[in-house]
Structure formats: structure tokens, C-alpha cells
Protein backbone atom coordinates (compact mmCIF):
# COMPACT_ATOMS: atom_id res chain seq x y z
CA MET A 1 38.95 -2.46 30.69
CA PHE A 2 38.26 -3.47 27.08
CA LYS A 3 36.82 -6.79 28.24
CA LYS A 4 34.44 -5.00 30.63
CA LEU A 5 33.35 -2.71 27.83
CA ILE A 6 32.57 -5.69 25.60
CA ILE A 7 30.62 -7.42 28.36
CA GLY A 8 28.73 -4.24 29.21
CA THR A 9 27.83 -3.64 25.58
CA ALA A 10 26.68 -7.24 25.17
CA LEU A 11 24.49 -7.03 28.29
CA THR A 12 23.01 -3.75 27.09
CA LEU A 13 22.14 -5.31 23.74
CA VAL A 14 20.55 -8.31 25.48
CA VAL A 15 18.43 -6.00 27.65
CA ILE A 16 17.33 -3.96 24.61
CA ALA A 17 16.53 -7.11 22.61
CA SER A 18 14.56 -8.55 25.54
CA ALA A 19 12.58 -5.34 25.95
CA ILE A 20 11.76 -5.26 22.24
CA TYR A 21 10.71 -8.91 22.42
CA ILE A 22 8.42 -8.29 25.39
CA ILE A 23 6.93 -5.06 24.06
CA GLY A 24 6.55 -6.67 20.67
CA GLY A 25 4.44 -9.48 22.07
CA GLY A 26 6.96 -12.21 21.31
CA PHE A 27 7.12 -14.13 18.09
CA GLY A 28 4.07 -15.57 16.44
CA ASN A 29 1.56 -15.23 13.66
CA LYS A 30 -0.48 -12.17 12.75
CA PRO A 31 -4.28 -12.18 13.23
CA PRO A 32 -6.30 -13.35 10.22
CA LEU A 33 -6.90 -10.93 7.37
CA PRO A 34 -10.37 -9.34 7.14
CA THR A 35 -13.02 -11.98 6.50
CA ALA A 36 -14.35 -10.31 3.36
CA LEU A 37 -10.89 -10.43 1.81
CA GLN A 38 -10.33 -14.05 2.80
CA TYR A 39 -13.52 -15.13 1.05
CA ALA A 40 -13.06 -13.07 -2.09
CA ASN A 41 -12.28 -14.99 -5.26
CA ARG A 42 -8.58 -15.27 -5.96
CA PRO A 43 -6.31 -14.42 -7.60
CA MET A 44 -7.50 -10.93 -6.73
CA LEU A 45 -6.49 -8.01 -8.92
CA ILE A 46 -5.59 -4.58 -7.55
CA GLY A 47 -6.06 -1.68 -9.96
CA HIS A 48 -2.84 0.37 -9.95
CA ARG A 49 -3.92 4.03 -9.57
CA GLY A 50 -7.37 3.02 -10.80
CA ALA A 51 -8.01 1.91 -14.37
CA THR A 52 -6.82 4.14 -17.19
CA SER A 53 -5.23 2.01 -19.90
CA THR A 54 -8.55 1.25 -21.58
CA ASN A 55 -9.36 4.97 -21.57
CA PRO A 56 -6.22 7.15 -21.89
CA LEU A 57 -8.15 10.36 -21.16
CA LEU A 58 -8.69 9.20 -17.58
CA PRO A 59 -5.68 10.38 -15.55
CA ASP A 60 -4.17 8.10 -12.89
CA ASN A 61 -5.26 8.63 -9.30
CA THR A 62 -8.52 10.42 -10.12
CA LEU A 63 -12.10 9.71 -9.14
CA ALA A 64 -12.84 8.94 -12.79
CA ALA A 65 -10.05 6.35 -12.91
CA PHE A 66 -11.34 4.72 -9.74
CA SER A 67 -14.92 4.68 -11.00
CA HIS A 68 -13.75 3.08 -14.23
CA ALA A 69 -11.88 0.45 -12.21
CA GLN A 70 -15.05 -0.42 -10.34
CA GLU A 71 -16.99 -0.61 -13.60
CA ARG A 72 -14.32 -2.92 -15.01
CA GLY A 73 -14.80 -5.29 -12.07
CA TYR A 74 -11.96 -4.42 -9.72
CA ARG A 75 -12.77 -4.75 -6.05
CA TRP A 76 -9.42 -3.40 -4.88
CA ILE A 77 -7.74 -0.16 -5.98
CA GLU A 78 -4.32 1.26 -5.22
CA PHE A 79 -3.53 4.95 -4.99
CA ASP A 80 -0.94 7.33 -3.57
CA ILE A 81 -1.53 9.63 -0.63
CA GLN A 82 0.34 12.71 0.55
CA ASN A 83 -0.43 15.86 2.53
CA SER A 84 -1.27 19.29 1.15
CA ALA A 85 0.28 22.34 2.81
CA ASP A 86 -2.76 22.66 5.07
CA GLY A 87 -2.74 19.02 6.13
CA ALA A 88 -5.41 17.53 3.88
CA PHE A 89 -4.85 14.03 2.51
CA VAL A 90 -4.69 14.29 -1.28
CA VAL A 91 -4.28 11.56 -3.88
CA TYR A 92 -1.18 12.14 -6.00
CA HIS A 93 2.00 10.14 -6.62
CA ASP A 94 4.92 12.50 -7.24
CA ARG A 95 6.49 15.12 -5.03
CA ILE A 96 6.50 17.59 -7.95
CA GLY A 97 3.68 18.43 -10.34
CA GLY A 98 5.54 17.10 -13.36
CA GLU A 99 3.83 16.62 -16.70
CA GLU A 100 0.43 16.13 -15.07
CA LEU A 101 0.53 19.45 -13.20
CA PRO A 102 3.07 21.54 -15.14
CA ASP A 103 2.26 24.75 -13.24
CA VAL A 104 2.87 23.12 -9.84
CA ASP A 105 6.35 22.89 -8.37
CA THR A 106 5.98 20.93 -5.12
CA VAL A 107 2.53 19.48 -4.49
CA SER A 108 2.77 19.47 -0.71
CA HIS A 109 3.66 23.18 -0.68
CA LEU A 110 0.19 24.16 -1.90
CA THR A 111 -3.02 24.21 0.11
CA LEU A 112 -5.93 22.05 -0.91
CA ALA A 113 -7.77 25.06 -2.31
CA GLN A 114 -4.74 25.98 -4.41
CA LEU A 115 -4.26 22.45 -5.70
CA GLN A 116 -7.85 22.22 -6.84
CA THR A 117 -7.42 25.21 -9.14
CA HIS A 118 -4.98 23.18 -11.26
CA LYS A 119 -6.42 20.83 -13.89
CA ILE A 120 -4.55 17.60 -14.61
CA VAL A 121 -2.88 17.10 -17.98
CA SER A 122 -3.19 13.58 -19.43
CA GLY A 123 -1.32 12.65 -22.59
CA SER A 124 -0.72 16.37 -23.35
CA VAL A 125 -4.49 16.99 -23.08
CA LEU A 126 -5.77 19.39 -20.42
CA THR A 127 -8.60 17.55 -18.66
CA ASP A 128 -11.33 18.74 -16.32
CA TYR A 129 -9.96 16.59 -13.49
CA THR A 130 -8.20 17.86 -10.39
CA ILE A 131 -6.34 16.08 -7.61
CA PRO A 132 -8.96 14.35 -5.46
CA THR A 133 -8.94 14.38 -1.69
CA LEU A 134 -8.80 11.06 0.11
CA ASP A 135 -12.08 12.00 1.74
CA SER A 136 -13.78 12.43 -1.65
CA VAL A 137 -12.60 8.99 -2.78
CA ILE A 138 -13.91 7.31 0.34
CA ARG A 139 -17.22 9.16 0.18
CA ARG A 140 -17.66 7.93 -3.40
CA PHE A 141 -16.91 4.24 -2.79
CA ASP A 142 -17.13 3.71 0.98
CA THR A 143 -16.92 0.01 1.88
CA THR A 144 -17.77 -1.28 -1.60
CA MET A 145 -14.02 -1.45 -2.33
CA PHE A 146 -10.75 -2.47 -0.74
CA TYR A 147 -8.05 0.21 -0.73
CA TYR A 148 -4.26 0.04 -0.92
CA PHE A 149 -3.02 3.33 0.57
CA ASP A 150 0.49 3.91 -0.78
CA MET A 151 1.70 6.47 1.74
CA LYS A 152 4.08 9.24 0.68
CA THR A 153 5.75 11.29 3.38
CA TYR A 154 5.84 14.53 1.38
CA GLY A 155 4.56 17.41 3.48
CA SER A 156 4.39 15.41 6.73
CA ALA A 157 6.04 16.65 9.90
CA SER A 158 7.10 13.08 10.80
CA ILE A 159 6.29 9.53 9.79
CA PHE A 160 4.79 8.97 13.23
CA SER A 161 2.33 11.86 13.01
CA LEU A 162 1.47 10.67 9.50
CA ALA A 163 0.78 7.18 10.88
CA ASP A 164 -1.41 8.59 13.65
CA ASN A 165 -3.35 10.76 11.20
CA ILE A 166 -4.03 8.01 8.67
CA ALA A 167 -5.09 5.63 11.44
CA ARG A 168 -7.49 8.29 12.74
CA PHE A 169 -8.92 8.74 9.24
CA ILE A 170 -9.43 4.99 8.79
CA ASN A 171 -11.20 4.61 12.13
CA GLU A 172 -13.39 7.69 11.69
CA HIS A 173 -14.58 6.38 8.31
CA GLY A 174 -15.18 2.81 9.49
CA LEU A 175 -12.63 1.37 7.05
CA VAL A 176 -10.59 -0.95 9.26
CA ASP A 177 -11.55 -4.01 7.21
CA ASN A 178 -11.15 -2.26 3.84
CA VAL A 179 -7.85 -0.37 3.99
CA PHE A 180 -4.28 -1.64 3.73
CA VAL A 181 -1.69 1.02 4.54
CA ALA A 182 1.53 0.48 2.59
CA THR A 183 5.07 1.88 2.69
CA HIS A 184 8.64 0.67 2.41
CA ARG A 185 9.50 2.46 5.67
CA VAL A 186 9.98 -0.21 8.33
CA ALA A 187 9.71 2.26 11.23
CA PHE A 188 6.37 3.54 9.92
CA ILE A 189 4.97 0.00 9.76
CA ALA A 190 6.31 -0.99 13.18
CA TYR A 191 4.90 2.15 14.80
CA LEU A 192 1.51 1.77 13.12
CA GLU A 193 1.30 -1.89 14.13
CA TYR A 194 2.18 -1.13 17.73
CA ARG A 195 0.09 2.00 18.27
CA HIS A 196 -2.81 1.14 15.96
CA PRO A 197 -2.94 -2.67 15.69
CA GLU A 198 -6.43 -2.56 14.21
CA VAL A 199 -5.03 -1.02 11.00
CA ASN A 200 -3.90 -3.44 8.27
CA THR A 201 -0.38 -2.76 7.06
CA VAL A 202 1.72 -3.73 4.04
CA LEU A 203 5.52 -3.62 4.04
CA GLU A 204 6.61 -2.78 0.50
CA GLY A 205 9.77 -3.74 -1.35
CA PHE A 206 9.89 -7.26 0.08
CA ASN A 207 12.76 -9.36 -1.27
CA GLU A 208 14.84 -12.41 -0.42
CA ARG A 209 17.13 -10.52 1.98
CA MET A 210 14.12 -9.39 3.99
CA ALA A 211 12.73 -12.94 4.03
CA GLU A 212 15.63 -14.03 6.20
CA LEU A 213 14.67 -11.50 8.89
CA LEU A 214 10.88 -11.60 8.83
CA ASP A 215 10.49 -14.45 11.32
CA TYR A 216 12.57 -12.52 13.87
CA VAL A 217 10.25 -9.51 13.94
CA PRO A 218 7.99 -9.58 17.05
CA LYS A 219 4.36 -9.96 16.04
CA ASN A 220 3.29 -6.55 17.44
CA PHE A 221 5.64 -4.87 14.96
CA LYS A 222 5.16 -7.26 12.05
CA PRO A 223 3.19 -6.19 8.94
CA ASP A 224 -0.10 -7.85 8.10
CA MET A 225 0.90 -8.23 4.46
CA ILE A 226 4.05 -7.83 2.38
CA SER A 227 4.48 -6.68 -1.20
CA GLY A 228 7.24 -6.55 -3.77
CA TYR A 229 8.17 -6.11 -7.40
CA GLN A 230 7.32 -8.96 -9.72
CA VAL A 231 10.90 -8.88 -11.06
CA ALA A 232 12.15 -9.67 -7.53
CA LEU A 233 10.28 -12.97 -7.56
CA ASP A 234 12.06 -16.20 -8.40
CA ASP A 235 11.59 -19.86 -7.50
CA SER A 236 13.58 -19.46 -4.29
CA LEU A 237 11.55 -16.53 -2.95
CA VAL A 238 8.30 -18.16 -4.00
CA SER A 239 9.33 -21.31 -2.12
CA PHE A 240 9.91 -19.22 1.00
CA LEU A 241 6.48 -17.59 0.62
CA ARG A 242 4.82 -20.98 0.28
CA GLU A 243 6.67 -22.71 3.10
CA SER A 244 6.23 -19.80 5.51
CA GLY A 245 2.56 -19.23 4.65
CA TRP A 246 3.28 -15.63 3.61
CA ILE A 247 2.06 -16.37 0.10
CA GLU A 248 -1.44 -15.91 1.56
CA ARG A 249 -0.41 -12.35 2.49
CA TYR A 250 1.81 -11.41 -0.42
CA ILE A 251 1.03 -8.73 -3.02
CA THR A 252 3.13 -8.37 -6.15
CA PHE A 253 3.18 -5.28 -8.33
CA HIS A 254 4.44 -4.17 -11.74
CA VAL A 255 2.65 -7.13 -13.27
CA ASP A 256 1.87 -6.80 -16.97
CA SER A 257 0.90 -8.91 -19.97
CA ALA A 258 4.46 -10.24 -20.28
CA ASN A 259 4.76 -11.66 -16.75
CA LEU A 260 1.15 -12.29 -15.69
CA LYS A 261 1.21 -15.99 -16.61
CA GLN A 262 4.39 -16.63 -14.63
CA THR A 263 2.87 -14.79 -11.66
CA LEU A 264 -0.23 -16.96 -11.79
CA ASP A 265 1.82 -20.15 -12.21
CA TRP A 266 3.68 -19.30 -9.01
CA GLY A 267 0.35 -19.13 -7.18
CA ILE A 268 0.52 -15.45 -6.22
CA GLN A 269 -2.96 -14.50 -5.03
CA TYR A 270 -2.90 -10.69 -4.85
CA ILE A 271 -1.71 -9.04 -8.04
CA MET A 272 -1.42 -5.31 -8.72
CA VAL A 273 -1.85 -4.49 -12.41
CA ASP A 274 -2.06 -1.62 -14.81
CA ASP A 275 -5.43 -2.13 -16.43
CA GLY A 276 -5.73 -3.58 -19.91
CA LYS A 277 -7.52 -6.19 -21.96
CA TYR A 278 -5.02 -8.83 -20.83
CA VAL A 279 -6.79 -9.00 -17.44
CA ASP A 280 -10.35 -9.18 -18.81
CA SER A 281 -10.77 -12.90 -18.10
CA LEU A 282 -9.45 -12.55 -14.55
CA LEU A 283 -11.72 -9.60 -13.81
CA LYS A 284 -14.72 -11.80 -14.59
CA LEU A 285 -13.67 -14.00 -11.66
CA GLN A 286 -13.69 -11.18 -9.12
CA THR A 287 -16.54 -11.37 -6.65
CA GLN A 288 -19.00 -8.54 -6.81
CA PRO A 289 -19.37 -5.99 -3.98
């Protein structure tokens, strides 16, 4: 009886694995990245939540911070996206208002109209800035920039409806070649890749343990790019990235003046930074829109 159970379980697992393999399109490489990104000068810098370090009165994740990033020479900006209570995409990192919005408890519990009555505090100074909508950011910059959408699930009914909604937004705004949708949630990435293969995805939190499994992910579920903390990089992981070709699709973040040189020496080509004078020389190398 026990032997039959083992055999039955094994056969079931084989059937499931085979179905996933077939549905997933088998193993293989992802399609090329958007042409404009391939031909941009590299290393390419990504402005983390815009550019604020050279102007502390510009709060993170605001239209002013993104405009300043563009003026500084960034062609790619990163920002955080979550839903308001009435389903609007808004640009804000934390679940709670925190020091930036001290009168707000949970951001996703307020409607867009309510959120926009709260001014952002930056460095203990009450500014004139409010949380921007994703729509307002895109209307300001359109296809002149690349975007790293760091998706937060706050206020979303499910990760799958969130994936469908962000894919719809990207297609409606003609941003397929400009947006990279990022999250550490594997199921979100796999679903987005399968249901909306035109959307570029980034699997966050990539490390050496994940490297061992990446080649076994069917291509229809596999992310277009991967990203990870700079502190997770070492010679071994960099060797994997080079040998596998993923270094051409790897983004590292939490890069600063102390570890930038090491990052460059490793040959990392997409680097997310908090703005500062230490990147001035690299910004001069960025191609213009």
C-alpha cells in the first residue's frame, strides 16, 4: 500500500512538472531587452526614488525629484507604486505615512482625493508636495525615460489583479519598451510573464541560492531581468552572472560612494543609486533622450 502511494505521488509530480514545462514553453532564453535600452550607454544609472540628495528639500518619489533626476542626466528612474483606497496607482514607498505623512496612518486606506490633501514633510520641513499619481508621472515624462516600477501590494485585492491592472496601465500608455515591473514575489512575476508576456519584469532579491534554480524556470515564467542588493554580490555570484549571460540583465541596488568602484570593477551594467556628486562623472556618460 505504501509503495503504491509513493509511486502514485511520484507519477503525479511528474505529470505536474510536465504540464508546467509545456505551459511554460520549455527551457530557453528570454527575448532581447528593448532596443533603446540595449543601445544606451552603459553602465546605466537608475535614480532611486528620483534625485534628492543634491537638493534635500525635494522629497523622494515626487514629481520634483523625478524632474531633478532628468535634469541631472538620469534616463532611468525607480519609484514605488501602491493602490489608494479607490484603486488609483499612487507613488509612495511605505505602508504607513510615517515621518513624511505624519497625519496618515495607512496610505492605502485613503482615497486619492484624501491623500492629496496631505503635504509631504521632508527633513522636518512641510513642503508643498503631495503624493503623485502614477498617471501624473507618466504624463510628465512619457517615453523620454525608462521606469523601474517597484510594486507594493498594499491595498490590492490580490497580486494577480494587481498584475493585470499594471499591465493594462502600461499598454494603455504605450510604455511596453520603457517600463520594468519589479517585485520579490515569484508568483507575481510568473503570472505577469505568462499572462502579459509583452511586459518587462524584474525579479528582486536575487542571490546565489536563486542562481541555482534560475535555469530550471520555464521561459514563459522567467523574469526578463533580475536585481539584488549590492552587498549580496561576491566573486562567485558575479562569475555566475557572467557565465550565464545574466550580467546583461542584472540590476544592483543600494550602491553608494563606498561600493560604486567595486560594482563597476565587477562589470555590473545597471546600477541603482541614491543621487550624489559621486555619480557626476558617470551621469555625463548617459545617452540623452
